[in-house]
Protein backbone atom coordinates (compact mmCIF):
# COMPACT_ATOMS: atom_id res chain seq x y z
CA UNK A 1 0.03 0.10 -0.09
CA UNK A 2 1.44 3.46 -0.87
CA UNK A 3 0.71 5.64 1.71
CA UNK A 4 0.69 9.49 0.93
CA UNK A 5 0.29 12.53 2.99
CA UNK A 6 -1.67 15.72 1.49
CA UNK A 7 -2.70 19.10 2.76
CA UNK A 8 -6.17 20.64 2.03
CA UNK A 9 -6.53 21.20 -1.53
CA UNK A 10 -3.98 19.12 -2.77
CA UNK A 11 -4.74 16.03 -4.74
CA UNK A 12 -3.63 12.60 -6.26
CA UNK A 13 -3.99 11.28 -9.94
CA UNK A 14 -4.36 7.66 -10.41
CA UNK A 15 -4.38 6.07 -13.84
CA UNK A 16 -5.91 7.94 -16.70
CA UNK A 17 -8.86 10.62 -15.61
CA UNK A 18 -9.27 9.62 -12.06
CA UNK A 19 -8.16 12.17 -9.29
CA UNK A 20 -8.68 12.28 -5.71
CA UNK A 21 -8.50 16.02 -3.92
CA UNK A 22 -8.68 16.45 -0.06
CA UNK A 23 -11.19 19.02 0.52
CA UNK A 24 -11.04 19.33 4.09
CA UNK A 25 -10.82 17.27 7.40
CA UNK A 26 -12.19 17.72 11.03
CA UNK A 27 -12.73 15.49 14.13
CA UNK A 28 -10.52 12.76 12.49
CA UNK A 29 -12.55 12.62 9.11
CA UNK A 30 -11.23 13.52 5.76
CA UNK A 31 -13.53 14.98 3.00
CA UNK A 32 -12.35 13.79 0.02
CA UNK A 33 -13.22 14.69 -3.69
CA UNK A 34 -13.28 12.12 -6.64
CA UNK A 35 -13.20 12.63 -10.39
CA UNK A 36 -13.48 9.76 -12.71
CA UNK A 37 -14.58 9.08 -16.13
CA UNK A 38 -18.48 8.06 -16.50
CA UNK A 39 -19.09 4.46 -16.08
CA UNK A 40 -16.37 3.92 -13.25
CA UNK A 41 -17.93 2.88 -10.08
CA UNK A 42 -16.88 4.73 -6.74
CA UNK A 43 -18.10 2.99 -3.56
CA UNK A 44 -16.73 3.54 -0.12
CA UNK A 45 -15.34 0.30 1.34
CA UNK A 46 -18.61 -0.86 3.57
CA UNK A 47 -20.68 -0.40 0.62
CA UNK A 48 -18.61 -2.64 -1.52
CA UNK A 49 -18.18 -5.04 1.33
CA UNK A 50 -21.93 -5.08 1.67
CA UNK A 51 -22.34 -5.37 -2.14
CA UNK A 52 -19.98 -8.65 -2.09
CA UNK A 53 -21.82 -10.22 0.54
CA UNK A 54 -25.24 -9.80 -0.85
CA UNK A 55 -23.82 -11.13 -4.40
CA UNK A 56 -22.34 -14.20 -2.56
CA UNK A 57 -25.64 -14.58 -0.79
CA UNK A 58 -27.76 -14.61 -3.97
CA UNK A 59 -25.11 -16.98 -5.64
CA UNK A 60 -25.50 -19.51 -2.50
CA UNK A 61 -29.57 -19.17 -3.34
CA UNK A 62 -29.48 -19.78 -6.84
CA UNK A 63 -30.07 -16.41 -8.19
CA UNK A 64 -27.63 -15.83 -10.89
CA UNK A 65 -28.58 -12.22 -12.47
CA UNK A 66 -27.12 -9.64 -10.28
CA UNK A 67 -29.11 -6.60 -9.30
CA UNK A 68 -27.80 -3.20 -9.71
CA UNK A 69 -26.69 -1.63 -6.35
């Protein structure tokens, strides 16, 4: 894992057209802005984890067509 330190207003570019910017921080929480091409899904960790659990449960129950989150 690459760990970077950023000040408010500074950003990070990842690949082609994906950028993160630190918008602010307060009380141990960071506000991060994300710019990405249309069609790139962006999910917080806990939502991705929930989605993966739901898809796994659906597969175990014999449902093969995934529903959009």
